[in-house]
Amino acid sequence: MNILGFGDGFYNDPWFWQFPMATLEISMAAFLTVALPWTIVAWIDPISLRKYEMRYLKAKKEGLTAADIAQQERGR
C-alpha cells in the first residue's frame, strides 16, 4: 500500500512550482515599481521635498525625545 502515492503526481505537476513562482515575481515587481522610485527620491533628498519630511526624523535631528514629541502633540 502506497500511502504517499498522492504526492508523487502532485509534486511533479509543473504548476506546483510555476504558479507560486509566477505570483512571487509579479508581487515583487509590483512592490519594486512603487518602492524603488520613492527610495531613490529619499536617497537624493531634494531640498524642494524636505518640507514633507516625516516628523520623527525632524525630531531626531533636533535631539527631541518621545516625551518632547508627546508634549508637543498635547499642546495642539
PDB file of N, CA and C in Angstrom:
ATOM      1  N   MET A   1       0.849  -1.188   0.000  1.00  0.00           N
ATOM      2  CA  MET A   1       0.000   0.000   0.000  1.00  0.00           C
ATOM      3  C   MET A   1       0.891   1.246   0.000  1.00  0.00           C
ATOM      4  N   ASN A   2       0.650   2.098  -0.937  1.00  0.00           N
ATOM      5  CA  ASN A   2       1.457   3.303  -1.082  1.00  0.00           C
ATOM      6  C   ASN A   2       0.696   4.489  -0.494  1.00  0.00           C
ATOM      7  N   ILE A   3       1.055   4.883   0.712  1.00  0.00           N
ATOM      8  CA  ILE A   3       0.372   5.985   1.389  1.00  0.00           C
ATOM      9  C   ILE A   3       0.745   7.319   0.747  1.00  0.00           C
ATOM     10  N   LEU A   4       1.969   7.450   0.298  1.00  0.00           N
ATOM     11  CA  LEU A   4       2.439   8.709  -0.282  1.00  0.00           C
ATOM     12  C   LEU A   4       2.261   8.764  -1.792  1.00  0.00           C
ATOM     13  N   GLY A   5       1.472   7.899  -2.356  1.00  0.00           N
ATOM     14  CA  GLY A   5       1.267   7.854  -3.805  1.00  0.00           C
ATOM     15  C   GLY A   5       0.650   9.137  -4.336  1.00  0.00           C
ATOM     16  N   PHE A   6      -0.185   9.782  -3.558  1.00  0.00           N
ATOM     17  CA  PHE A   6      -0.817  11.027  -3.996  1.00  0.00           C
ATOM     18  C   PHE A   6       0.231  12.105  -4.258  1.00  0.00           C
ATOM     19  N   GLY A   7       1.244  12.164  -3.422  1.00  0.00           N
ATOM     20  CA  GLY A   7       2.259  13.198  -3.543  1.00  0.00           C
ATOM     21  C   GLY A   7       3.144  13.057  -4.757  1.00  0.00           C
ATOM     22  N   ASP A   8       3.289  11.848  -5.281  1.00  0.00           N
ATOM     23  CA  ASP A   8       4.137  11.659  -6.457  1.00  0.00           C
ATOM     24  C   ASP A   8       3.645  12.490  -7.633  1.00  0.00           C
ATOM     25  N   GLY A   9       2.375  12.439  -7.905  1.00  0.00           N
ATOM     26  CA  GLY A   9       1.827  13.188  -9.031  1.00  0.00           C
ATOM     27  C   GLY A   9       1.673  14.661  -8.720  1.00  0.00           C
ATOM     28  N   PHE A  10       1.337  14.950  -7.490  1.00  0.00           N
ATOM     29  CA  PHE A  10       1.075  16.340  -7.105  1.00  0.00           C
ATOM     30  C   PHE A  10       2.345  17.182  -7.166  1.00  0.00           C
ATOM     31  N   TYR A  11       3.432  16.682  -6.606  1.00  0.00           N
ATOM     32  CA  TYR A  11       4.675  17.449  -6.561  1.00  0.00           C
ATOM     33  C   TYR A  11       5.380  17.501  -7.910  1.00  0.00           C
ATOM     34  N   ASN A  12       5.071  16.586  -8.779  1.00  0.00           N
ATOM     35  CA  ASN A  12       5.687  16.576 -10.115  1.00  0.00           C
ATOM     36  C   ASN A  12       4.897  17.387 -11.127  1.00  0.00           C
ATOM     37  N   ASP A  13       3.766  17.869 -10.746  1.00  0.00           N
ATOM     38  CA  ASP A  13       2.963  18.699 -11.634  1.00  0.00           C
ATOM     39  C   ASP A  13       3.702  20.005 -11.901  1.00  0.00           C
ATOM     40  N   PRO A  14       3.842  20.431 -13.163  1.00  0.00           N
ATOM     41  CA  PRO A  14       4.568  21.675 -13.465  1.00  0.00           C
ATOM     42  C   PRO A  14       3.971  22.910 -12.779  1.00  0.00           C
ATOM     43  N   TRP A  15       2.661  22.939 -12.592  1.00  0.00           N
ATOM     44  CA  TRP A  15       2.020  24.084 -11.962  1.00  0.00           C
ATOM     45  C   TRP A  15       2.350  24.191 -10.478  1.00  0.00           C
ATOM     46  N   PHE A  16       2.850  23.091  -9.881  1.00  0.00           N
ATOM     47  CA  PHE A  16       3.190  23.128  -8.461  1.00  0.00           C
ATOM     48  C   PHE A  16       4.260  24.168  -8.186  1.00  0.00           C
ATOM     49  N   TRP A  17       5.215  24.366  -9.086  1.00  0.00           N
ATOM     50  CA  TRP A  17       6.260  25.382  -8.914  1.00  0.00           C
ATOM     51  C   TRP A  17       6.035  26.621  -9.776  1.00  0.00           C
ATOM     52  N   GLN A  18       5.455  26.467 -10.952  1.00  0.00           N
ATOM     53  CA  GLN A  18       5.300  27.612 -11.854  1.00  0.00           C
ATOM     54  C   GLN A  18       4.346  28.661 -11.294  1.00  0.00           C
ATOM     55  N   PHE A  19       3.219  28.235 -10.770  1.00  0.00           N
ATOM     56  CA  PHE A  19       2.241  29.200 -10.270  1.00  0.00           C
ATOM     57  C   PHE A  19       2.768  29.995  -9.076  1.00  0.00           C
ATOM     58  N   PRO A  20       3.333  29.361  -8.031  1.00  0.00           N
ATOM     59  CA  PRO A  20       3.855  30.166  -6.914  1.00  0.00           C
ATOM     60  C   PRO A  20       5.007  31.077  -7.317  1.00  0.00           C
ATOM     61  N   MET A  21       5.872  30.609  -8.199  1.00  0.00           N
ATOM     62  CA  MET A  21       6.999  31.450  -8.620  1.00  0.00           C
ATOM     63  C   MET A  21       6.519  32.620  -9.474  1.00  0.00           C
ATOM     64  N   ALA A  22       5.522  32.394 -10.298  1.00  0.00           N
ATOM     65  CA  ALA A  22       4.980  33.486 -11.116  1.00  0.00           C
ATOM     66  C   ALA A  22       4.312  34.541 -10.235  1.00  0.00           C
ATOM     67  N   THR A  23       3.537  34.102  -9.253  1.00  0.00           N
ATOM     68  CA  THR A  23       2.893  35.085  -8.369  1.00  0.00           C
ATOM     69  C   THR A  23       3.928  35.808  -7.517  1.00  0.00           C
ATOM     70  N   LEU A  24       4.989  35.122  -7.119  1.00  0.00           N
ATOM     71  CA  LEU A  24       6.064  35.777  -6.369  1.00  0.00           C
ATOM     72  C   LEU A  24       6.737  36.849  -7.223  1.00  0.00           C
ATOM     73  N   GLU A  25       7.017  36.536  -8.480  1.00  0.00           N
ATOM     74  CA  GLU A  25       7.644  37.519  -9.378  1.00  0.00           C
ATOM     75  C   GLU A  25       6.731  38.712  -9.626  1.00  0.00           C
ATOM     76  N   ILE A  26       5.447  38.460  -9.808  1.00  0.00           N
ATOM     77  CA  ILE A  26       4.504  39.553 -10.039  1.00  0.00           C
ATOM     78  C   ILE A  26       4.415  40.460  -8.816  1.00  0.00           C
ATOM     79  N   SER A  27       4.338  39.867  -7.631  1.00  0.00           N
ATOM     80  CA  SER A  27       4.231  40.692  -6.421  1.00  0.00           C
ATOM     81  C   SER A  27       5.516  41.470  -6.166  1.00  0.00           C
ATOM     82  N   MET A  28       6.671  40.864  -6.426  1.00  0.00           N
ATOM     83  CA  MET A  28       7.940  41.583  -6.250  1.00  0.00           C
ATOM     84  C   MET A  28       8.050  42.738  -7.246  1.00  0.00           C
ATOM     85  N   ALA A  29       7.643  42.503  -8.477  1.00  0.00           N
ATOM     86  CA  ALA A  29       7.690  43.562  -9.486  1.00  0.00           C
ATOM     87  C   ALA A  29       6.761  44.710  -9.111  1.00  0.00           C
ATOM     88  N   ALA A  30       5.572  44.391  -8.612  1.00  0.00           N
ATOM     89  CA  ALA A  30       4.630  45.437  -8.202  1.00  0.00           C
ATOM     90  C   ALA A  30       5.186  46.240  -7.041  1.00  0.00           C
ATOM     91  N   PHE A  31       5.771  45.562  -6.063  1.00  0.00           N
ATOM     92  CA  PHE A  31       6.336  46.256  -4.916  1.00  0.00           C
ATOM     93  C   PHE A  31       7.495  47.153  -5.343  1.00  0.00           C
ATOM     94  N   LEU A  32       8.398  46.628  -6.157  1.00  0.00           N
ATOM     95  CA  LEU A  32       9.557  47.405  -6.571  1.00  0.00           C
ATOM     96  C   LEU A  32       9.174  48.575  -7.474  1.00  0.00           C
ATOM     97  N   THR A  33       8.087  48.420  -8.233  1.00  0.00           N
ATOM     98  CA  THR A  33       7.610  49.522  -9.074  1.00  0.00           C
ATOM     99  C   THR A  33       7.234  50.729  -8.220  1.00  0.00           C
ATOM    100  N   VAL A  34       6.700  50.478  -7.047  1.00  0.00           N
ATOM    101  CA  VAL A  34       6.310  51.569  -6.150  1.00  0.00           C
ATOM    102  C   VAL A  34       7.466  51.977  -5.240  1.00  0.00           C
ATOM    103  N   ALA A  35       8.201  51.019  -4.717  1.00  0.00           N
ATOM    104  CA  ALA A  35       9.199  51.302  -3.689  1.00  0.00           C
ATOM    105  C   ALA A  35      10.479  51.928  -4.242  1.00  0.00           C
ATOM    106  N   LEU A  36      10.943  51.487  -5.390  1.00  0.00           N
ATOM    107  CA  LEU A  36      12.219  51.997  -5.908  1.00  0.00           C
ATOM    108  C   LEU A  36      12.211  53.496  -6.198  1.00  0.00           C
ATOM    109  N   PRO A  37      11.195  54.030  -6.872  1.00  0.00           N
ATOM    110  CA  PRO A  37      11.223  55.482  -7.101  1.00  0.00           C
ATOM    111  C   PRO A  37      11.248  56.295  -5.805  1.00  0.00           C
ATOM    112  N   TRP A  38      10.467  55.876  -4.800  1.00  0.00           N
ATOM    113  CA  TRP A  38      10.457  56.616  -3.537  1.00  0.00           C
ATOM    114  C   TRP A  38      11.767  56.445  -2.776  1.00  0.00           C
ATOM    115  N   THR A  39      12.379  55.297  -2.894  1.00  0.00           N
ATOM    116  CA  THR A  39      13.677  55.090  -2.262  1.00  0.00           C
ATOM    117  C   THR A  39      14.732  55.978  -2.899  1.00  0.00           C
ATOM    118  N   ILE A  40      14.691  56.092  -4.199  1.00  0.00           N
ATOM    119  CA  ILE A  40      15.655  56.945  -4.910  1.00  0.00           C
ATOM    120  C   ILE A  40      15.433  58.410  -4.541  1.00  0.00           C
ATOM    121  N   VAL A  41      14.175  58.826  -4.459  1.00  0.00           N
ATOM    122  CA  VAL A  41      13.880  60.216  -4.063  1.00  0.00           C
ATOM    123  C   VAL A  41      14.380  60.478  -2.648  1.00  0.00           C
ATOM    124  N   ALA A  42      14.169  59.524  -1.742  1.00  0.00           N
ATOM    125  CA  ALA A  42      14.635  59.699  -0.363  1.00  0.00           C
ATOM    126  C   ALA A  42      16.149  59.739  -0.299  1.00  0.00           C
ATOM    127  N   TRP A  43      16.803  58.979  -1.136  1.00  0.00           N
ATOM    128  CA  TRP A  43      18.270  58.936  -1.143  1.00  0.00           C
ATOM    129  C   TRP A  43      18.848  60.243  -1.691  1.00  0.00           C
ATOM    130  N   ILE A  44      18.213  60.788  -2.738  1.00  0.00           N
ATOM    131  CA  ILE A  44      18.665  62.052  -3.333  1.00  0.00           C
ATOM    132  C   ILE A  44      18.402  63.212  -2.373  1.00  0.00           C
ATOM    133  N   ASP A  45      17.296  63.171  -1.660  1.00  0.00           N
ATOM    134  CA  ASP A  45      16.906  64.172  -0.668  1.00  0.00           C
ATOM    135  C   ASP A  45      16.869  65.578  -1.258  1.00  0.00           C
ATOM    136  N   PRO A  46      15.966  65.809  -2.233  1.00  0.00           N
ATOM    137  CA  PRO A  46      15.890  67.146  -2.827  1.00  0.00           C
ATOM    138  C   PRO A  46      15.379  68.175  -1.818  1.00  0.00           C
ATOM    139  N   ILE A  47      15.925  69.354  -1.907  1.00  0.00           N
ATOM    140  CA  ILE A  47      15.565  70.432  -0.980  1.00  0.00           C
ATOM    141  C   ILE A  47      14.086  70.788  -1.096  1.00  0.00           C
ATOM    142  N   SER A  48      13.550  70.744  -2.313  1.00  0.00           N
ATOM    143  CA  SER A  48      12.145  71.117  -2.512  1.00  0.00           C
ATOM    144  C   SER A  48      11.178  70.157  -1.817  1.00  0.00           C
ATOM    145  N   LEU A  49      11.599  68.947  -1.498  1.00  0.00           N
ATOM    146  CA  LEU A  49      10.716  67.974  -0.843  1.00  0.00           C
ATOM    147  C   LEU A  49      10.978  67.837   0.647  1.00  0.00           C
ATOM    148  N   ARG A  50      11.886  68.589   1.201  1.00  0.00           N
ATOM    149  CA  ARG A  50      12.198  68.456   2.622  1.00  0.00           C
ATOM    150  C   ARG A  50      11.052  68.910   3.518  1.00  0.00           C
ATOM    151  N   LYS A  51      10.153  69.739   3.003  1.00  0.00           N
ATOM    152  CA  LYS A  51       9.014  70.168   3.818  1.00  0.00           C
ATOM    153  C   LYS A  51       8.057  69.009   4.081  1.00  0.00           C
ATOM    154  N   TYR A  52       8.170  67.912   3.327  1.00  0.00           N
ATOM    155  CA  TYR A  52       7.323  66.743   3.531  1.00  0.00           C
ATOM    156  C   TYR A  52       8.005  65.673   4.377  1.00  0.00           C
ATOM    157  N   GLU A  53       9.119  66.005   4.993  1.00  0.00           N
ATOM    158  CA  GLU A  53       9.856  65.038   5.801  1.00  0.00           C
ATOM    159  C   GLU A  53       9.024  64.603   7.000  1.00  0.00           C
ATOM    160  N   MET A  54       9.182  63.370   7.381  1.00  0.00           N
ATOM    161  CA  MET A  54       8.398  62.836   8.499  1.00  0.00           C
ATOM    162  C   MET A  54       8.828  63.483   9.810  1.00  0.00           C
ATOM    163  N   ARG A  55       7.891  63.632  10.713  1.00  0.00           N
ATOM    164  CA  ARG A  55       8.116  64.369  11.943  1.00  0.00           C
ATOM    165  C   ARG A  55       9.198  63.738  12.820  1.00  0.00           C
ATOM    166  N   TYR A  56       9.207  62.418  12.933  1.00  0.00           N
ATOM    167  CA  TYR A  56      10.172  61.821  13.843  1.00  0.00           C
ATOM    168  C   TYR A  56      11.608  61.998  13.353  1.00  0.00           C
ATOM    169  N   LEU A  57      11.789  62.113  12.048  1.00  0.00           N
ATOM    170  CA  LEU A  57      13.132  62.374  11.545  1.00  0.00           C
ATOM    171  C   LEU A  57      13.582  63.783  11.913  1.00  0.00           C
ATOM    172  N   LYS A  58      12.661  64.730  11.813  1.00  0.00           N
ATOM    173  CA  LYS A  58      12.991  66.097  12.219  1.00  0.00           C
ATOM    174  C   LYS A  58      13.295  66.141  13.713  1.00  0.00           C
ATOM    175  N   ALA A  59      12.492  65.432  14.498  1.00  0.00           N
ATOM    176  CA  ALA A  59      12.707  65.407  15.941  1.00  0.00           C
ATOM    177  C   ALA A  59      14.050  64.769  16.279  1.00  0.00           C
ATOM    178  N   LYS A  60      14.407  63.747  15.545  1.00  0.00           N
ATOM    179  CA  LYS A  60      15.681  63.088  15.786  1.00  0.00           C
ATOM    180  C   LYS A  60      16.845  64.033  15.482  1.00  0.00           C
ATOM    181  N   LYS A  61      16.710  64.804  14.418  1.00  0.00           N
ATOM    182  CA  LYS A  61      17.756  65.773  14.073  1.00  0.00           C
ATOM    183  C   LYS A  61      17.867  66.875  15.128  1.00  0.00           C
ATOM    184  N   GLU A  62      16.733  67.238  15.715  1.00  0.00           N
ATOM    185  CA  GLU A  62      16.725  68.289  16.730  1.00  0.00           C
ATOM    186  C   GLU A  62      17.075  67.752  18.110  1.00  0.00           C
ATOM    187  N   GLY A  63      17.172  66.446  18.242  1.00  0.00           N
ATOM    188  CA  GLY A  63      17.525  65.849  19.524  1.00  0.00           C
ATOM    189  C   GLY A  63      16.367  65.734  20.487  1.00  0.00           C
ATOM    190  N   LEU A  64      15.148  65.733  19.976  1.00  0.00           N
ATOM    191  CA  LEU A  64      13.980  65.619  20.845  1.00  0.00           C
ATOM    192  C   LEU A  64      13.746  64.164  21.227  1.00  0.00           C
ATOM    193  N   THR A  65      13.156  63.965  22.371  1.00  0.00           N
ATOM    194  CA  THR A  65      12.807  62.618  22.817  1.00  0.00           C
ATOM    195  C   THR A  65      11.324  62.364  22.548  1.00  0.00           C
ATOM    196  N   ALA A  66      10.883  61.125  22.790  1.00  0.00           N
ATOM    197  CA  ALA A  66       9.476  60.780  22.588  1.00  0.00           C
ATOM    198  C   ALA A  66       8.582  61.606  23.512  1.00  0.00           C
ATOM    199  N   ALA A  67       9.058  61.886  24.712  1.00  0.00           N
ATOM    200  CA  ALA A  67       8.275  62.695  25.654  1.00  0.00           C
ATOM    201  C   ALA A  67       8.090  64.118  25.119  1.00  0.00           C
ATOM    202  N   ASP A  68       9.127  64.672  24.503  1.00  0.00           N
ATOM    203  CA  ASP A  68       9.021  66.018  23.931  1.00  0.00           C
ATOM    204  C   ASP A  68       7.993  66.056  22.804  1.00  0.00           C
ATOM    205  N   ILE A  69       8.008  65.024  21.976  1.00  0.00           N
ATOM    206  CA  ILE A  69       7.064  64.968  20.857  1.00  0.00           C
ATOM    207  C   ILE A  69       5.643  64.829  21.387  1.00  0.00           C
ATOM    208  N   ALA A  70       5.436  63.989  22.410  1.00  0.00           N
ATOM    209  CA  ALA A  70       4.107  63.809  23.001  1.00  0.00           C
ATOM    210  C   ALA A  70       3.609  65.108  23.609  1.00  0.00           C
ATOM    211  N   GLN A  71       4.515  65.860  24.246  1.00  0.00           N
ATOM    212  CA  GLN A  71       4.131  67.137  24.843  1.00  0.00           C
ATOM    213  C   GLN A  71       3.720  68.114  23.764  1.00  0.00           C
ATOM    214  N   GLN A  72       4.424  68.116  22.629  1.00  0.00           N
ATOM    215  CA  GLN A  72       4.042  68.990  21.518  1.00  0.00           C
ATOM    216  C   GLN A  72       2.674  68.614  20.973  1.00  0.00           C
ATOM    217  N   GLU A  73       2.384  67.318  20.913  1.00  0.00           N
ATOM    218  CA  GLU A  73       1.086  66.858  20.409  1.00  0.00           C
ATOM    219  C   GLU A  73      -0.044  67.288  21.333  1.00  0.00           C
ATOM    220  N   ARG A  74       0.161  67.228  22.631  1.00  0.00           N
ATOM    221  CA  ARG A  74      -0.879  67.633  23.582  1.00  0.00           C
ATOM    222  C   ARG A  74      -1.136  69.132  23.503  1.00  0.00           C
ATOM    223  N   GLY A  75      -0.144  69.902  23.105  1.00  0.00           N
ATOM    224  CA  GLY A  75      -0.292  71.346  23.027  1.00  0.00           C
ATOM    225  C   GLY A  75      -1.077  71.807  21.830  1.00  0.00           C
ATOM    226  N   ARG A  76      -1.331  70.946  20.895  1.00  0.00           N
ATOM    227  CA  ARG A  76      -2.057  71.343  19.680  1.00  0.00           C
ATOM    228  C   ARG A  76      -3.524  71.452  19.903  1.00  0.00           C
TER     229      ARG A  76
END
